[in-house]
């Protein structure tokens, strides 16, 4: 199934962050940790105020922004472009 945001919205997929200790032990992800607020843009809407956001870019977004959805055992976030704080280059 294909998800296409409308208006000034974008579809994002967060990165999985693995933490390592100094000794090289990988710590598993737990629900008590904060989720990362960096993601990859998978799709953009057809709005006029997209501020140069393009598919494939990595962005940083506001902490509690967007609506999280789950499809095909994957989690995505749809949010307004105004909640994107920066583009990572």
Protein backbone atom coordinates (compact mmCIF):
# COMPACT_ATOMS: atom_id res chain seq x y z
CA UNK A 1 0.00 0.00 0.00
CA UNK A 2 1.26 3.46 -0.88
CA UNK A 3 0.84 6.45 1.47
CA UNK A 4 0.69 9.92 -0.12
CA UNK A 5 0.40 12.88 2.27
CA UNK A 6 -1.86 15.75 1.25
CA UNK A 7 -1.38 19.49 1.58
CA UNK A 8 1.64 20.68 3.54
CA UNK A 9 2.31 17.31 5.15
CA UNK A 10 5.23 14.89 4.91
CA UNK A 11 5.64 11.17 5.54
CA UNK A 12 8.67 10.27 7.67
CA UNK A 13 10.40 7.09 8.78
CA UNK A 14 12.49 7.32 11.94
CA UNK A 15 15.96 5.84 12.16
CA UNK A 16 16.62 2.92 14.48
CA UNK A 17 19.24 4.02 16.95
CA UNK A 18 21.45 1.41 18.56
CA UNK A 19 23.49 2.47 21.51
CA UNK A 20 26.88 0.98 22.27
CA UNK A 21 28.77 1.09 25.50
CA UNK A 22 32.46 2.01 25.59
CA UNK A 23 33.24 -1.72 25.68
CA UNK A 24 31.28 -2.38 22.49
CA UNK A 25 28.14 -3.92 24.01
CA UNK A 26 25.03 -3.07 21.99
CA UNK A 27 22.15 -1.96 24.20
CA UNK A 28 18.69 -2.96 22.93
CA UNK A 29 16.05 -0.35 22.24
CA UNK A 30 13.59 0.01 25.10
CA UNK A 31 10.31 1.83 25.38
CA UNK A 32 11.58 3.87 28.33
CA UNK A 33 13.97 5.77 26.07
CA UNK A 34 12.96 8.81 24.12
CA UNK A 35 12.42 8.12 20.45
CA UNK A 36 14.81 9.89 18.09
CA UNK A 37 13.47 12.99 16.43
CA UNK A 38 15.48 12.53 13.24
CA UNK A 39 13.91 10.82 10.25
CA UNK A 40 14.05 10.33 6.49
CA UNK A 41 11.42 11.94 4.26
CA UNK A 42 9.59 9.22 2.30
CA UNK A 43 6.90 11.36 0.64
CA UNK A 44 5.75 14.97 0.51
CA UNK A 45 2.31 16.44 -0.08
CA UNK A 46 1.32 18.77 -2.88
CA UNK A 47 1.07 21.92 -0.76
CA UNK A 48 2.62 25.28 -1.52
CA UNK A 49 4.56 25.75 1.73
CA UNK A 50 6.92 22.76 1.71
CA UNK A 51 10.01 24.95 2.27
CA UNK A 52 12.28 22.88 0.03
CA UNK A 53 11.63 19.56 1.78
CA UNK A 54 12.30 16.70 -0.67
CA UNK A 55 12.06 12.92 -0.63
CA UNK A 56 15.25 11.29 0.67
CA UNK A 57 16.33 14.16 2.93
CA UNK A 58 17.09 13.61 6.59
CA UNK A 59 15.26 16.03 8.88
CA UNK A 60 14.96 16.90 12.54
CA UNK A 61 11.41 17.48 13.77
CA UNK A 62 9.69 18.78 16.90
CA UNK A 63 9.58 16.32 19.79
CA UNK A 64 5.85 15.59 20.04
CA UNK A 65 4.87 16.40 16.45
CA UNK A 66 2.94 14.33 13.97
CA UNK A 67 0.74 11.26 13.96
CA UNK A 68 2.36 7.85 14.14
CA UNK A 69 0.86 5.12 11.95
CA UNK A 70 1.73 1.45 11.51
CA UNK A 71 1.53 -0.35 8.17
CA UNK A 72 3.02 -3.71 7.20
CA UNK A 73 4.77 -3.97 10.59
CA UNK A 74 6.58 -0.66 10.06
CA UNK A 75 6.01 2.64 11.85
CA UNK A 76 5.73 5.94 9.99
CA UNK A 77 4.95 9.50 11.02
CA UNK A 78 2.81 11.98 9.10
CA UNK A 79 3.27 15.61 10.12
CA UNK A 80 2.85 19.17 9.00
CA UNK A 81 5.93 20.64 7.37
CA UNK A 82 5.88 23.45 9.97
CA UNK A 83 6.93 20.87 12.59
CA UNK A 84 10.20 20.16 10.75
CA UNK A 85 12.95 22.13 12.43
CA UNK A 86 16.00 21.45 10.23
CA UNK A 87 17.37 19.54 7.26
CA UNK A 88 20.47 17.43 7.99
CA UNK A 89 23.13 17.66 5.28
